[in-house]
Amino acid sequence: VTRLEHCQARDIAPRMRLFDNAAVPLQAIDVPELAQRNIAALFEEENRGLVLLAFTDSGNMLTFTYRGELYVVRHSDVSLPQLQAATGEARAQLFERIALEVQRSLDNFDRLNSQIAISRVLVAPLPGVSGFLDYLRQYLFQPVAELDLAEVLDLAAIPELRTPERQAQCLWSIGAALRD
């Protein structure tokens, strides 16, 4: 059973019943993995793969996309609140743990998909966590950059989305809204 199948059985089916019982027709239900894929697709370079790392209150998700398709999803339990609360050696250990997971995932992806060159690793905003991007840049061979939705979306109508805090909070909701 894949994570998506488990998610569907446990999370999506009960929600679908609620809508069915209310006679509200649904056209689609997105899961976080596909919402993150939708965001990543906006940042892809032609014929190059992209890695996107995003953190939530419950953990983080690393996605590998190519030509708008989701190739690999990795989940880890290191969360945004953990990173925000950690200081000193504890924060350094979390940084190392995440970087090692990203590097292993990159190596594994390269072994299985050597024909796909990864252009860069994007990291969703990490409000209240300084130094992580610099740490990851020193750890990885691939270029590392912070995701900024203003680079690919017109945020003029919703100025609060220009802040890293709101982008981090709304990332998957925006990704779900980008479904085509």
C-alpha atoms as a PDB file:
ATOM      1  CA  VAL A   1       0.000   0.000   0.000  1.00  0.00           C
ATOM      2  CA  THR A   2       1.509   3.329  -1.030  1.00  0.00           C
ATOM      3  CA  ARG A   3       1.321   6.453   1.091  1.00  0.00           C
ATOM      4  CA  LEU A   4      -1.182   7.965  -1.340  1.00  0.00           C
ATOM      5  CA  GLU A   5      -3.404   4.891  -1.183  1.00  0.00           C
ATOM      6  CA  HIS A   6      -3.229   4.913   2.615  1.00  0.00           C
ATOM      7  CA  CYS A   7      -4.011   8.638   2.616  1.00  0.00           C
ATOM      8  CA  GLN A   8      -6.969   8.080   0.311  1.00  0.00           C
ATOM      9  CA  ALA A   9      -8.449   5.308   2.410  1.00  0.00           C
ATOM     10  CA  ARG A  10      -7.924   7.046   5.725  1.00  0.00           C
ATOM     11  CA  ASP A  11      -8.373  10.726   4.932  1.00  0.00           C
ATOM     12  CA  ILE A  12     -10.078  11.300   1.619  1.00  0.00           C
ATOM     13  CA  ALA A  13     -12.872   8.708   1.625  1.00  0.00           C
ATOM     14  CA  PRO A  14     -14.579  10.069   4.795  1.00  0.00           C
ATOM     15  CA  ARG A  15     -14.429  13.603   3.408  1.00  0.00           C
ATOM     16  CA  MET A  16     -15.904  12.444   0.122  1.00  0.00           C
ATOM     17  CA  ARG A  17     -18.828  10.900   2.034  1.00  0.00           C
ATOM     18  CA  LEU A  18     -19.484  14.242   3.753  1.00  0.00           C
ATOM     19  CA  PHE A  19     -19.770  15.975   0.395  1.00  0.00           C
ATOM     20  CA  ASP A  20     -21.859  13.135  -1.041  1.00  0.00           C
ATOM     21  CA  ASN A  21     -24.238  13.301   1.940  1.00  0.00           C
ATOM     22  CA  ALA A  22     -24.588  17.055   1.420  1.00  0.00           C
ATOM     23  CA  ALA A  23     -25.242  16.504  -2.314  1.00  0.00           C
ATOM     24  CA  VAL A  24     -22.234  18.643  -3.244  1.00  0.00           C
ATOM     25  CA  PRO A  25     -20.555  17.265  -6.360  1.00  0.00           C
ATOM     26  CA  LEU A  26     -16.752  17.190  -6.243  1.00  0.00           C
ATOM     27  CA  GLN A  27     -14.629  17.452  -9.327  1.00  0.00           C
ATOM     28  CA  ALA A  28     -11.309  16.657  -7.608  1.00  0.00           C
ATOM     29  CA  ILE A  29      -9.605  16.255  -4.271  1.00  0.00           C
ATOM     30  CA  ASP A  30      -5.907  17.033  -4.085  1.00  0.00           C
ATOM     31  CA  VAL A  31      -3.429  15.654  -1.598  1.00  0.00           C
ATOM     32  CA  PRO A  32      -0.414  17.613  -0.316  1.00  0.00           C
ATOM     33  CA  GLU A  33       1.978  15.679  -2.556  1.00  0.00           C
ATOM     34  CA  LEU A  34       0.147  16.830  -5.689  1.00  0.00           C
ATOM     35  CA  ALA A  35      -0.316  20.369  -4.388  1.00  0.00           C
ATOM     36  CA  GLN A  36       3.435  20.592  -3.850  1.00  0.00           C
ATOM     37  CA  ARG A  37       3.975  19.184  -7.347  1.00  0.00           C
ATOM     38  CA  ASN A  38       1.793  21.982  -8.740  1.00  0.00           C
ATOM     39  CA  ILE A  39       3.971  24.593  -7.031  1.00  0.00           C
ATOM     40  CA  ALA A  40       7.197  22.919  -8.180  1.00  0.00           C
ATOM     41  CA  ALA A  41       5.982  22.860 -11.787  1.00  0.00           C
ATOM     42  CA  LEU A  42       5.921  26.672 -11.770  1.00  0.00           C
ATOM     43  CA  PHE A  43       9.650  26.774 -10.981  1.00  0.00           C
ATOM     44  CA  GLU A  44      10.915  24.038 -13.291  1.00  0.00           C
ATOM     45  CA  GLU A  45      13.408  24.848 -15.995  1.00  0.00           C
ATOM     46  CA  GLU A  46      12.828  23.256 -19.383  1.00  0.00           C
ATOM     47  CA  ASN A  47      14.026  19.635 -19.499  1.00  0.00           C
ATOM     48  CA  ARG A  48      15.417  19.816 -15.951  1.00  0.00           C
ATOM     49  CA  GLY A  49      14.165  18.256 -12.742  1.00  0.00           C
ATOM     50  CA  LEU A  50      13.407  20.204  -9.589  1.00  0.00           C
ATOM     51  CA  VAL A  51      13.536  19.303  -5.920  1.00  0.00           C
ATOM     52  CA  LEU A  52      11.237  21.123  -3.492  1.00  0.00           C
ATOM     53  CA  LEU A  53      11.500  20.849   0.286  1.00  0.00           C
ATOM     54  CA  ALA A  54       8.619  22.208   2.382  1.00  0.00           C
ATOM     55  CA  PHE A  55       8.023  22.107   6.136  1.00  0.00           C
ATOM     56  CA  THR A  56       4.773  21.999   8.093  1.00  0.00           C
ATOM     57  CA  ASP A  57       3.749  21.701  11.721  1.00  0.00           C
ATOM     58  CA  SER A  58       3.949  17.913  11.471  1.00  0.00           C
ATOM     59  CA  GLY A  59       7.053  17.294   9.362  1.00  0.00           C
ATOM     60  CA  ASN A  60       8.497  17.980   5.946  1.00  0.00           C
ATOM     61  CA  MET A  61       8.064  16.776   2.410  1.00  0.00           C
ATOM     62  CA  LEU A  62      10.663  16.508  -0.318  1.00  0.00           C
ATOM     63  CA  THR A  63       9.376  16.199  -3.886  1.00  0.00           C
ATOM     64  CA  PHE A  64      11.171  15.521  -7.155  1.00  0.00           C
ATOM     65  CA  THR A  65       9.402  16.740 -10.288  1.00  0.00           C
ATOM     66  CA  TYR A  66      10.199  16.724 -13.968  1.00  0.00           C
ATOM     67  CA  ARG A  67       8.100  18.208 -16.779  1.00  0.00           C
ATOM     68  CA  GLY A  68       5.280  18.798 -14.327  1.00  0.00           C
ATOM     69  CA  GLU A  69       5.193  15.171 -13.203  1.00  0.00           C
ATOM     70  CA  LEU A  70       5.758  13.965  -9.662  1.00  0.00           C
ATOM     71  CA  TYR A  71       8.544  11.380  -9.610  1.00  0.00           C
ATOM     72  CA  VAL A  72       9.471  10.929  -5.949  1.00  0.00           C
ATOM     73  CA  VAL A  73       8.043  11.965  -2.583  1.00  0.00           C
ATOM     74  CA  ARG A  74       9.933  11.653   0.680  1.00  0.00           C
ATOM     75  CA  HIS A  75       8.497  12.476   4.098  1.00  0.00           C
ATOM     76  CA  SER A  76      10.390  13.166   7.301  1.00  0.00           C
ATOM     77  CA  ASP A  77       9.251  14.020  10.797  1.00  0.00           C
ATOM     78  CA  VAL A  78      11.427  17.129  11.273  1.00  0.00           C
ATOM     79  CA  SER A  79       8.853  19.919  11.484  1.00  0.00           C
ATOM     80  CA  LEU A  80       8.895  23.687  11.224  1.00  0.00           C
ATOM     81  CA  PRO A  81       8.113  24.131  14.959  1.00  0.00           C
ATOM     82  CA  GLN A  82      11.036  21.838  15.820  1.00  0.00           C
ATOM     83  CA  LEU A  83      13.393  23.924  13.710  1.00  0.00           C
ATOM     84  CA  GLN A  84      12.038  27.165  15.145  1.00  0.00           C
ATOM     85  CA  ALA A  85      12.429  25.973  18.744  1.00  0.00           C
ATOM     86  CA  ALA A  86      15.860  24.391  18.375  1.00  0.00           C
ATOM     87  CA  THR A  87      18.997  26.364  19.122  1.00  0.00           C
ATOM     88  CA  GLY A  88      22.712  25.720  19.102  1.00  0.00           C
ATOM     89  CA  GLU A  89      23.762  22.085  18.824  1.00  0.00           C
ATOM     90  CA  ALA A  90      20.161  20.816  18.646  1.00  0.00           C
ATOM     91  CA  ARG A  91      19.469  23.011  15.595  1.00  0.00           C
ATOM     92  CA  ALA A  92      22.767  21.955  13.996  1.00  0.00           C
ATOM     93  CA  GLN A  93      21.798  18.288  14.425  1.00  0.00           C
ATOM     94  CA  LEU A  94      18.406  18.897  12.799  1.00  0.00           C
ATOM     95  CA  PHE A  95      20.065  20.749   9.906  1.00  0.00           C
ATOM     96  CA  GLU A  96      22.474  17.848   9.427  1.00  0.00           C
ATOM     97  CA  ARG A  97      19.686  15.277   9.598  1.00  0.00           C
ATOM     98  CA  ILE A  98      17.643  17.079   6.946  1.00  0.00           C
ATOM     99  CA  ALA A  99      20.641  17.724   4.695  1.00  0.00           C
ATOM    100  CA  LEU A 100      21.665  14.076   4.890  1.00  0.00           C
ATOM    101  CA  GLU A 101      18.133  12.986   3.951  1.00  0.00           C
ATOM    102  CA  VAL A 102      18.082  15.406   0.998  1.00  0.00           C
ATOM    103  CA  GLN A 103      21.527  14.228  -0.172  1.00  0.00           C
ATOM    104  CA  ARG A 104      20.554  10.556   0.078  1.00  0.00           C
ATOM    105  CA  SER A 105      17.348  11.263  -1.823  1.00  0.00           C
ATOM    106  CA  LEU A 106      19.263  13.126  -4.534  1.00  0.00           C
ATOM    107  CA  ASP A 107      21.752  10.261  -4.862  1.00  0.00           C
ATOM    108  CA  ASN A 108      18.974   7.691  -5.052  1.00  0.00           C
ATOM    109  CA  PHE A 109      17.047   9.750  -7.614  1.00  0.00           C
ATOM    110  CA  ASP A 110      20.171  10.106  -9.743  1.00  0.00           C
ATOM    111  CA  ARG A 111      20.793   6.348  -9.667  1.00  0.00           C
ATOM    112  CA  LEU A 112      17.227   5.592 -10.760  1.00  0.00           C
ATOM    113  CA  ASN A 113      16.718   8.545 -13.134  1.00  0.00           C
ATOM    114  CA  SER A 114      20.177   9.414 -14.432  1.00  0.00           C
ATOM    115  CA  GLN A 115      18.669  10.912 -17.601  1.00  0.00           C
ATOM    116  CA  ILE A 116      17.025  13.695 -15.540  1.00  0.00           C
ATOM    117  CA  ALA A 117      19.339  16.493 -14.457  1.00  0.00           C
ATOM    118  CA  ILE A 118      18.230  18.348 -11.331  1.00  0.00           C
ATOM    119  CA  SER A 119      18.508  22.113 -11.833  1.00  0.00           C
ATOM    120  CA  ARG A 120      18.233  23.120  -8.164  1.00  0.00           C
ATOM    121  CA  VAL A 121      16.809  22.447  -4.759  1.00  0.00           C
ATOM    122  CA  LEU A 122      14.126  24.910  -3.651  1.00  0.00           C
ATOM    123  CA  VAL A 123      13.275  25.300   0.014  1.00  0.00           C
ATOM    124  CA  ALA A 124       9.910  26.725   1.002  1.00  0.00           C
ATOM    125  CA  PRO A 125      10.160  29.683   3.385  1.00  0.00           C
ATOM    126  CA  LEU A 126      11.220  28.843   6.930  1.00  0.00           C
ATOM    127  CA  PRO A 127      10.028  31.743   9.089  1.00  0.00           C
ATOM    128  CA  GLY A 128      12.004  31.976  12.313  1.00  0.00           C
ATOM    129  CA  VAL A 129      14.748  29.607  11.130  1.00  0.00           C
ATOM    130  CA  SER A 130      17.955  31.303  10.104  1.00  0.00           C
ATOM    131  CA  GLY A 131      20.973  29.655   8.560  1.00  0.00           C
ATOM    132  CA  PHE A 132      19.361  26.580   7.028  1.00  0.00           C
ATOM    133  CA  LEU A 133      19.712  27.631   3.393  1.00  0.00           C
ATOM    134  CA  ASP A 134      23.380  28.483   3.887  1.00  0.00           C
ATOM    135  CA  TYR A 135      23.937  25.145   5.606  1.00  0.00           C
ATOM    136  CA  LEU A 136      22.241  23.254   2.779  1.00  0.00           C
ATOM    137  CA  ARG A 137      24.212  25.196   0.151  1.00  0.00           C
ATOM    138  CA  GLN A 138      27.466  24.040   1.751  1.00  0.00           C
ATOM    139  CA  TYR A 139      26.228  20.459   2.044  1.00  0.00           C
ATOM    140  CA  LEU A 140      24.828  19.888  -1.463  1.00  0.00           C
ATOM    141  CA  PHE A 141      26.359  20.008  -4.910  1.00  0.00           C
ATOM    142  CA  GLN A 142      23.138  21.311  -6.508  1.00  0.00           C
ATOM    143  CA  PRO A 143      22.214  24.997  -6.273  1.00  0.00           C
ATOM    144  CA  VAL A 144      19.887  25.767  -3.342  1.00  0.00           C
ATOM    145  CA  ALA A 145      17.415  28.662  -3.296  1.00  0.00           C
ATOM    146  CA  GLU A 146      14.493  29.838  -1.218  1.00  0.00           C
ATOM    147  CA  LEU A 147      11.113  29.472  -2.892  1.00  0.00           C
ATOM    148  CA  ASP A 148       9.366  32.801  -3.445  1.00  0.00           C
ATOM    149  CA  LEU A 149       5.934  32.622  -5.040  1.00  0.00           C
ATOM    150  CA  ALA A 150       6.266  36.247  -6.181  1.00  0.00           C
ATOM    151  CA  GLU A 151       8.734  34.989  -8.817  1.00  0.00           C
ATOM    152  CA  VAL A 152       6.028  32.981 -10.588  1.00  0.00           C
ATOM    153  CA  LEU A 153       2.671  34.388  -9.437  1.00  0.00           C
ATOM    154  CA  ASP A 154       1.176  37.868  -9.487  1.00  0.00           C
ATOM    155  CA  LEU A 155       0.570  38.522  -5.788  1.00  0.00           C
ATOM    156  CA  ALA A 156      -0.522  42.159  -6.175  1.00  0.00           C
ATOM    157  CA  ALA A 157      -4.124  41.382  -5.177  1.00  0.00           C
ATOM    158  CA  ILE A 158      -3.004  39.597  -1.993  1.00  0.00           C
ATOM    159  CA  PRO A 159       0.015  41.530  -0.675  1.00  0.00           C
ATOM    160  CA  GLU A 160       0.277  39.475   2.533  1.00  0.00           C
ATOM    161  CA  LEU A 161       1.327  36.510   0.381  1.00  0.00           C
ATOM    162  CA  ARG A 162       4.551  38.354  -0.364  1.00  0.00           C
ATOM    163  CA  THR A 163       5.779  37.528   3.142  1.00  0.00           C
ATOM    164  CA  PRO A 164       7.642  34.268   3.744  1.00  0.00           C
ATOM    165  CA  GLU A 165       5.402  33.506   6.742  1.00  0.00           C
ATOM    166  CA  ARG A 166       2.188  33.549   4.702  1.00  0.00           C
ATOM    167  CA  GLN A 167       3.783  31.670   1.808  1.00  0.00           C
ATOM    168  CA  ALA A 168       4.846  28.921   4.220  1.00  0.00           C
ATOM    169  CA  GLN A 169       1.340  28.771   5.735  1.00  0.00           C
ATOM    170  CA  CYS A 170      -0.497  28.755   2.406  1.00  0.00           C
ATOM    171  CA  LEU A 171       1.859  26.799   0.177  1.00  0.00           C
ATOM    172  CA  TRP A 172      -0.223  23.650  -0.211  1.00  0.00           C
ATOM    173  CA  SER A 173      -3.521  25.558  -0.433  1.00  0.00           C
ATOM    174  CA  ILE A 174      -2.086  27.602  -3.281  1.00  0.00           C
ATOM    175  CA  GLY A 175      -0.721  24.434  -4.873  1.00  0.00           C
ATOM    176  CA  ALA A 176      -4.143  22.791  -4.687  1.00  0.00           C
ATOM    177  CA  ALA A 177      -5.721  25.887  -6.271  1.00  0.00           C
ATOM    178  CA  LEU A 178      -3.246  25.565  -9.176  1.00  0.00           C
ATOM    179  CA  ARG A 179      -4.751  22.252 -10.250  1.00  0.00           C
ATOM    180  CA  ASP A 180      -5.468  22.257 -13.972  1.00  0.00           C
END
